[in-house]
Amino acid sequence: MTFRRDLLSAVVTVSLLLTTSSCDDQGAKEAPIPREKMQRLLLDINIAEVYSGMTKDTLHKPGTKNADSLTAFYTDVFAHHQVTREAFEKAMVWYKAHPDEMDSLVNAIMPEVERLQPGK
């Protein structure tokens, strides 16, 4: 279950790193980004988080996240999914306000995260 913890950690990290958007969307009945699209987006963000820690250069200790790489990865992920950073921020606010939906989202991603682990 360490992968689940790592994924949850990445989701929490992402949500804390982003500036919070207006709270008006929290009461909306539907998520700003549909669940299936958000699953793919969070999976790619999780992969970006892992890759940013794998970037090797003389300025970063091994295993630490490279902020420059992570910024570039996020930009690429948002462009690939045709989502703006602002839309993602709104969606994260909504999902944090709906913990059952967030839990369901994370549980749906877990099989893919585990499949991507080395040696699987």
N, C-alpha and C. Protein backbone atom coordinates (compact mmCIF):
# COMPACT_ATOMS: atom_id res chain seq x y z
N MET A 1 0.81 -1.21 0.00
CA MET A 1 0.00 0.00 0.00
C MET A 1 0.85 1.27 0.00
N THR A 2 2.17 1.14 -0.12
CA THR A 2 3.00 2.35 -0.16
C THR A 2 2.70 3.17 -1.40
N PHE A 3 2.31 2.51 -2.50
CA PHE A 3 1.99 3.25 -3.71
C PHE A 3 0.76 4.10 -3.51
N ARG A 4 -0.22 3.58 -2.78
CA ARG A 4 -1.42 4.35 -2.47
C ARG A 4 -1.05 5.57 -1.65
N ARG A 5 -0.20 5.36 -0.67
CA ARG A 5 0.24 6.46 0.18
C ARG A 5 1.00 7.49 -0.65
N ASP A 6 1.87 7.01 -1.56
CA ASP A 6 2.62 7.92 -2.42
C ASP A 6 1.69 8.71 -3.33
N LEU A 7 0.68 8.04 -3.89
CA LEU A 7 -0.27 8.73 -4.75
C LEU A 7 -1.06 9.77 -3.96
N LEU A 8 -1.53 9.38 -2.79
CA LEU A 8 -2.26 10.35 -1.96
C LEU A 8 -1.36 11.52 -1.58
N SER A 9 -0.11 11.21 -1.30
CA SER A 9 0.85 12.26 -0.98
C SER A 9 1.02 13.21 -2.16
N ALA A 10 1.11 12.65 -3.36
CA ALA A 10 1.26 13.49 -4.56
C ALA A 10 0.03 14.37 -4.77
N VAL A 11 -1.15 13.80 -4.55
CA VAL A 11 -2.39 14.57 -4.71
C VAL A 11 -2.43 15.70 -3.69
N VAL A 12 -2.07 15.40 -2.45
CA VAL A 12 -2.06 16.44 -1.41
C VAL A 12 -1.02 17.49 -1.73
N THR A 13 0.16 17.06 -2.16
CA THR A 13 1.22 18.00 -2.51
C THR A 13 0.77 18.93 -3.62
N VAL A 14 0.18 18.35 -4.65
CA VAL A 14 -0.30 19.15 -5.79
C VAL A 14 -1.31 20.17 -5.31
N SER A 15 -2.26 19.72 -4.50
CA SER A 15 -3.30 20.63 -4.06
C SER A 15 -2.76 21.74 -3.16
N LEU A 16 -1.72 21.43 -2.37
CA LEU A 16 -1.14 22.46 -1.52
C LEU A 16 -0.26 23.43 -2.29
N LEU A 17 0.38 22.93 -3.34
CA LEU A 17 1.24 23.80 -4.14
C LEU A 17 0.46 24.80 -4.98
N LEU A 18 -0.73 24.41 -5.34
CA LEU A 18 -1.54 25.28 -6.18
C LEU A 18 -2.24 26.33 -5.33
N THR A 19 -2.38 27.49 -5.87
CA THR A 19 -3.16 28.50 -5.16
C THR A 19 -4.62 28.13 -5.23
N THR A 20 -5.31 28.30 -4.13
CA THR A 20 -6.71 27.92 -4.13
C THR A 20 -7.54 28.90 -4.93
N SER A 21 -8.47 28.35 -5.65
CA SER A 21 -9.37 29.15 -6.46
C SER A 21 -10.57 29.56 -5.63
N SER A 22 -11.47 30.22 -6.28
CA SER A 22 -12.71 30.62 -5.62
C SER A 22 -13.42 29.43 -5.02
N CYS A 23 -14.00 29.60 -3.86
CA CYS A 23 -14.70 28.53 -3.18
C CYS A 23 -16.11 28.34 -3.73
N ASP A 24 -16.52 29.18 -4.66
CA ASP A 24 -17.88 29.10 -5.20
C ASP A 24 -18.16 27.75 -5.86
N ASP A 25 -17.15 27.14 -6.46
CA ASP A 25 -17.36 25.89 -7.17
C ASP A 25 -17.51 24.69 -6.24
N GLN A 26 -17.18 24.84 -4.97
CA GLN A 26 -17.26 23.72 -4.05
C GLN A 26 -18.68 23.20 -3.93
N GLY A 27 -19.66 24.06 -4.02
CA GLY A 27 -21.05 23.66 -3.88
C GLY A 27 -21.66 23.13 -5.17
N ALA A 28 -20.92 23.20 -6.27
CA ALA A 28 -21.44 22.71 -7.54
C ALA A 28 -21.68 21.21 -7.45
N LYS A 29 -22.74 20.75 -8.11
CA LYS A 29 -23.09 19.33 -8.05
C LYS A 29 -22.14 18.48 -8.90
N GLU A 30 -21.63 19.03 -9.96
CA GLU A 30 -20.73 18.29 -10.83
C GLU A 30 -19.33 18.89 -10.76
N ALA A 31 -18.35 18.01 -10.87
CA ALA A 31 -16.96 18.44 -10.82
C ALA A 31 -16.63 19.28 -12.05
N PRO A 32 -15.78 20.29 -11.89
CA PRO A 32 -15.37 21.12 -13.04
C PRO A 32 -14.66 20.30 -14.12
N ILE A 33 -13.95 19.24 -13.71
CA ILE A 33 -13.33 18.32 -14.66
C ILE A 33 -13.93 16.95 -14.36
N PRO A 34 -14.54 16.31 -15.36
CA PRO A 34 -15.17 15.01 -15.13
C PRO A 34 -14.19 13.99 -14.54
N ARG A 35 -14.74 13.08 -13.78
CA ARG A 35 -13.95 12.11 -13.04
C ARG A 35 -12.95 11.34 -13.92
N GLU A 36 -13.39 10.83 -15.06
CA GLU A 36 -12.51 10.04 -15.92
C GLU A 36 -11.31 10.87 -16.41
N LYS A 37 -11.58 12.09 -16.80
CA LYS A 37 -10.51 12.97 -17.26
C LYS A 37 -9.58 13.33 -16.11
N MET A 38 -10.16 13.56 -14.93
CA MET A 38 -9.36 13.89 -13.75
C MET A 38 -8.48 12.71 -13.35
N GLN A 39 -8.97 11.50 -13.53
CA GLN A 39 -8.17 10.31 -13.22
C GLN A 39 -6.92 10.28 -14.09
N ARG A 40 -7.11 10.47 -15.39
CA ARG A 40 -5.97 10.46 -16.32
C ARG A 40 -5.00 11.60 -16.00
N LEU A 41 -5.56 12.75 -15.68
CA LEU A 41 -4.75 13.92 -15.35
C LEU A 41 -3.92 13.67 -14.09
N LEU A 42 -4.55 13.15 -13.04
CA LEU A 42 -3.82 12.88 -11.80
C LEU A 42 -2.78 11.78 -11.97
N LEU A 43 -3.06 10.81 -12.79
CA LEU A 43 -2.08 9.77 -13.06
C LEU A 43 -0.85 10.37 -13.73
N ASP A 44 -1.06 11.22 -14.72
CA ASP A 44 0.07 11.86 -15.39
C ASP A 44 0.82 12.81 -14.46
N ILE A 45 0.10 13.48 -13.59
CA ILE A 45 0.76 14.37 -12.62
C ILE A 45 1.60 13.55 -11.64
N ASN A 46 1.07 12.41 -11.24
CA ASN A 46 1.83 11.53 -10.35
C ASN A 46 3.13 11.08 -11.03
N ILE A 47 3.03 10.72 -12.30
CA ILE A 47 4.21 10.32 -13.06
C ILE A 47 5.20 11.48 -13.16
N ALA A 48 4.69 12.68 -13.40
CA ALA A 48 5.55 13.87 -13.47
C ALA A 48 6.27 14.11 -12.15
N GLU A 49 5.55 13.92 -11.05
CA GLU A 49 6.17 14.09 -9.72
C GLU A 49 7.32 13.11 -9.54
N VAL A 50 7.12 11.87 -9.95
CA VAL A 50 8.17 10.86 -9.83
C VAL A 50 9.36 11.23 -10.71
N TYR A 51 9.09 11.57 -11.97
CA TYR A 51 10.17 11.94 -12.89
C TYR A 51 10.97 13.15 -12.39
N SER A 52 10.30 14.10 -11.77
CA SER A 52 11.02 15.29 -11.30
C SER A 52 12.04 14.92 -10.23
N GLY A 53 11.81 13.85 -9.52
CA GLY A 53 12.78 13.38 -8.53
C GLY A 53 13.88 12.55 -9.14
N MET A 54 13.72 12.16 -10.39
CA MET A 54 14.71 11.33 -11.07
C MET A 54 15.68 12.16 -11.91
N THR A 55 15.38 13.43 -12.09
CA THR A 55 16.24 14.30 -12.89
C THR A 55 17.59 14.44 -12.19
N LYS A 56 18.63 14.11 -12.91
CA LYS A 56 19.97 14.14 -12.33
C LYS A 56 20.73 15.36 -12.84
N ASP A 57 21.16 16.15 -11.91
CA ASP A 57 22.05 17.26 -12.23
C ASP A 57 22.83 17.61 -10.98
N THR A 58 23.77 18.51 -11.09
CA THR A 58 24.65 18.84 -9.96
C THR A 58 23.99 19.78 -8.95
N LEU A 59 22.85 20.36 -9.29
CA LEU A 59 22.20 21.32 -8.39
C LEU A 59 21.22 20.68 -7.42
N HIS A 60 20.83 19.44 -7.66
CA HIS A 60 19.81 18.79 -6.83
C HIS A 60 20.33 17.49 -6.26
N LYS A 61 20.03 17.26 -5.01
CA LYS A 61 20.40 16.00 -4.38
C LYS A 61 19.57 14.89 -5.00
N PRO A 62 20.13 13.70 -5.10
CA PRO A 62 19.35 12.57 -5.64
C PRO A 62 18.06 12.36 -4.83
N GLY A 63 16.97 12.14 -5.54
CA GLY A 63 15.69 11.88 -4.88
C GLY A 63 14.89 13.12 -4.54
N THR A 64 15.47 14.32 -4.69
CA THR A 64 14.70 15.53 -4.45
C THR A 64 14.06 15.98 -5.76
N LYS A 65 12.94 16.65 -5.63
CA LYS A 65 12.23 17.10 -6.82
C LYS A 65 12.92 18.31 -7.44
N ASN A 66 13.04 18.27 -8.73
CA ASN A 66 13.61 19.38 -9.49
C ASN A 66 12.45 20.28 -9.90
N ALA A 67 12.35 21.43 -9.26
CA ALA A 67 11.23 22.34 -9.49
C ALA A 67 11.13 22.79 -10.95
N ASP A 68 12.28 23.01 -11.58
CA ASP A 68 12.27 23.43 -12.99
C ASP A 68 11.68 22.35 -13.88
N SER A 69 12.12 21.12 -13.66
CA SER A 69 11.59 20.00 -14.45
C SER A 69 10.12 19.81 -14.16
N LEU A 70 9.75 19.90 -12.88
CA LEU A 70 8.36 19.69 -12.50
C LEU A 70 7.44 20.72 -13.15
N THR A 71 7.88 21.96 -13.19
CA THR A 71 7.09 23.01 -13.84
C THR A 71 6.89 22.69 -15.33
N ALA A 72 7.95 22.26 -15.99
CA ALA A 72 7.85 21.89 -17.40
C ALA A 72 6.93 20.69 -17.58
N PHE A 73 7.05 19.70 -16.70
CA PHE A 73 6.20 18.51 -16.79
C PHE A 73 4.73 18.89 -16.62
N TYR A 74 4.45 19.74 -15.63
CA TYR A 74 3.06 20.16 -15.40
C TYR A 74 2.51 20.87 -16.63
N THR A 75 3.30 21.75 -17.21
CA THR A 75 2.87 22.47 -18.40
C THR A 75 2.52 21.49 -19.52
N ASP A 76 3.37 20.48 -19.69
CA ASP A 76 3.12 19.47 -20.72
C ASP A 76 1.87 18.64 -20.42
N VAL A 77 1.69 18.26 -19.16
CA VAL A 77 0.52 17.46 -18.77
C VAL A 77 -0.75 18.25 -19.02
N PHE A 78 -0.78 19.52 -18.59
CA PHE A 78 -1.98 20.33 -18.79
C PHE A 78 -2.27 20.51 -20.28
N ALA A 79 -1.24 20.74 -21.07
CA ALA A 79 -1.42 20.91 -22.52
C ALA A 79 -1.94 19.62 -23.15
N HIS A 80 -1.36 18.50 -22.74
CA HIS A 80 -1.77 17.20 -23.29
C HIS A 80 -3.26 16.93 -23.02
N HIS A 81 -3.71 17.27 -21.83
CA HIS A 81 -5.10 17.02 -21.45
C HIS A 81 -6.03 18.19 -21.79
N GLN A 82 -5.46 19.22 -22.42
CA GLN A 82 -6.22 20.41 -22.80
C GLN A 82 -6.98 20.99 -21.61
N VAL A 83 -6.24 21.17 -20.52
CA VAL A 83 -6.78 21.73 -19.28
C VAL A 83 -5.86 22.87 -18.86
N THR A 84 -6.43 23.95 -18.44
CA THR A 84 -5.61 25.04 -17.92
C THR A 84 -5.28 24.76 -16.46
N ARG A 85 -4.24 25.40 -15.99
CA ARG A 85 -3.87 25.26 -14.58
C ARG A 85 -5.02 25.73 -13.69
N GLU A 86 -5.68 26.81 -14.11
CA GLU A 86 -6.79 27.35 -13.34
C GLU A 86 -7.95 26.36 -13.25
N ALA A 87 -8.26 25.68 -14.36
CA ALA A 87 -9.33 24.68 -14.36
C ALA A 87 -8.96 23.52 -13.44
N PHE A 88 -7.69 23.13 -13.47
CA PHE A 88 -7.23 22.05 -12.59
C PHE A 88 -7.34 22.47 -11.13
N GLU A 89 -6.96 23.71 -10.83
CA GLU A 89 -7.07 24.21 -9.46
C GLU A 89 -8.52 24.19 -8.97
N LYS A 90 -9.44 24.63 -9.82
CA LYS A 90 -10.86 24.61 -9.46
C LYS A 90 -11.33 23.18 -9.21
N ALA A 91 -10.89 22.27 -10.06
CA ALA A 91 -11.28 20.87 -9.89
C ALA A 91 -10.74 20.31 -8.59
N MET A 92 -9.49 20.63 -8.25
CA MET A 92 -8.92 20.14 -6.99
C MET A 92 -9.68 20.69 -5.79
N VAL A 93 -10.08 21.94 -5.85
CA VAL A 93 -10.88 22.52 -4.77
C VAL A 93 -12.20 21.76 -4.65
N TRP A 94 -12.82 21.47 -5.78
CA TRP A 94 -14.10 20.75 -5.76
C TRP A 94 -13.92 19.35 -5.19
N TYR A 95 -12.90 18.62 -5.68
CA TYR A 95 -12.68 17.26 -5.21
C TYR A 95 -12.30 17.22 -3.73
N LYS A 96 -11.55 18.21 -3.26
CA LYS A 96 -11.22 18.27 -1.82
C LYS A 96 -12.47 18.52 -0.99
N ALA A 97 -13.42 19.25 -1.55
CA ALA A 97 -14.68 19.52 -0.84
C ALA A 97 -15.63 18.32 -0.92
N HIS A 98 -15.32 17.33 -1.75
CA HIS A 98 -16.13 16.12 -1.91
C HIS A 98 -15.21 14.90 -1.70
N PRO A 99 -14.86 14.62 -0.44
CA PRO A 99 -13.87 13.58 -0.15
C PRO A 99 -14.24 12.19 -0.67
N ASP A 100 -15.52 11.86 -0.72
CA ASP A 100 -15.92 10.55 -1.27
C ASP A 100 -15.54 10.45 -2.74
N GLU A 101 -15.75 11.54 -3.47
CA GLU A 101 -15.37 11.56 -4.89
C GLU A 101 -13.85 11.48 -5.05
N MET A 102 -13.13 12.20 -4.19
CA MET A 102 -11.66 12.18 -4.25
C MET A 102 -11.15 10.77 -3.96
N ASP A 103 -11.72 10.13 -2.95
CA ASP A 103 -11.30 8.78 -2.60
C ASP A 103 -11.58 7.82 -3.74
N SER A 104 -12.73 7.95 -4.36
CA SER A 104 -13.09 7.11 -5.49
C SER A 104 -12.13 7.33 -6.66
N LEU A 105 -11.77 8.57 -6.88
CA LEU A 105 -10.83 8.93 -7.93
C LEU A 105 -9.48 8.27 -7.69
N VAL A 106 -8.96 8.38 -6.48
CA VAL A 106 -7.66 7.81 -6.14
C VAL A 106 -7.71 6.28 -6.24
N ASN A 107 -8.79 5.67 -5.73
CA ASN A 107 -8.91 4.21 -5.81
C ASN A 107 -8.95 3.72 -7.24
N ALA A 108 -9.53 4.48 -8.14
CA ALA A 108 -9.60 4.10 -9.54
C ALA A 108 -8.22 4.16 -10.22
N ILE A 109 -7.36 5.01 -9.73
CA ILE A 109 -6.03 5.18 -10.32
C ILE A 109 -5.05 4.11 -9.83
N MET A 110 -5.28 3.57 -8.64
CA MET A 110 -4.33 2.67 -8.01
C MET A 110 -3.90 1.47 -8.88
N PRO A 111 -4.81 0.78 -9.53
CA PRO A 111 -4.34 -0.35 -10.36
C PRO A 111 -3.32 0.07 -11.42
N GLU A 112 -3.54 1.22 -12.02
CA GLU A 112 -2.60 1.71 -13.04
C GLU A 112 -1.27 2.12 -12.41
N VAL A 113 -1.31 2.77 -11.26
CA VAL A 113 -0.08 3.16 -10.57
C VAL A 113 0.73 1.91 -10.22
N GLU A 114 0.05 0.90 -9.70
CA GLU A 114 0.74 -0.34 -9.34
C GLU A 114 1.29 -1.05 -10.57
N ARG A 115 0.55 -1.00 -11.68
CA ARG A 115 1.01 -1.63 -12.91
C ARG A 115 2.29 -0.97 -13.43
N LEU A 116 2.43 0.33 -13.21
CA LEU A 116 3.57 1.08 -13.70
C LEU A 116 4.83 0.92 -12.83
N GLN A 117 4.68 0.30 -11.68
CA GLN A 117 5.82 0.12 -10.79
C GLN A 117 6.85 -0.81 -11.42
N PRO A 118 8.13 -0.52 -11.18
CA PRO A 118 9.17 -1.39 -11.73
C PRO A 118 8.99 -2.84 -11.25
N GLY A 119 9.23 -3.75 -12.15
CA GLY A 119 9.14 -5.17 -11.82
C GLY A 119 7.74 -5.74 -11.92
N LYS A 120 6.77 -4.92 -12.36
CA LYS A 120 5.39 -5.40 -12.48
C LYS A 120 5.12 -5.88 -13.87
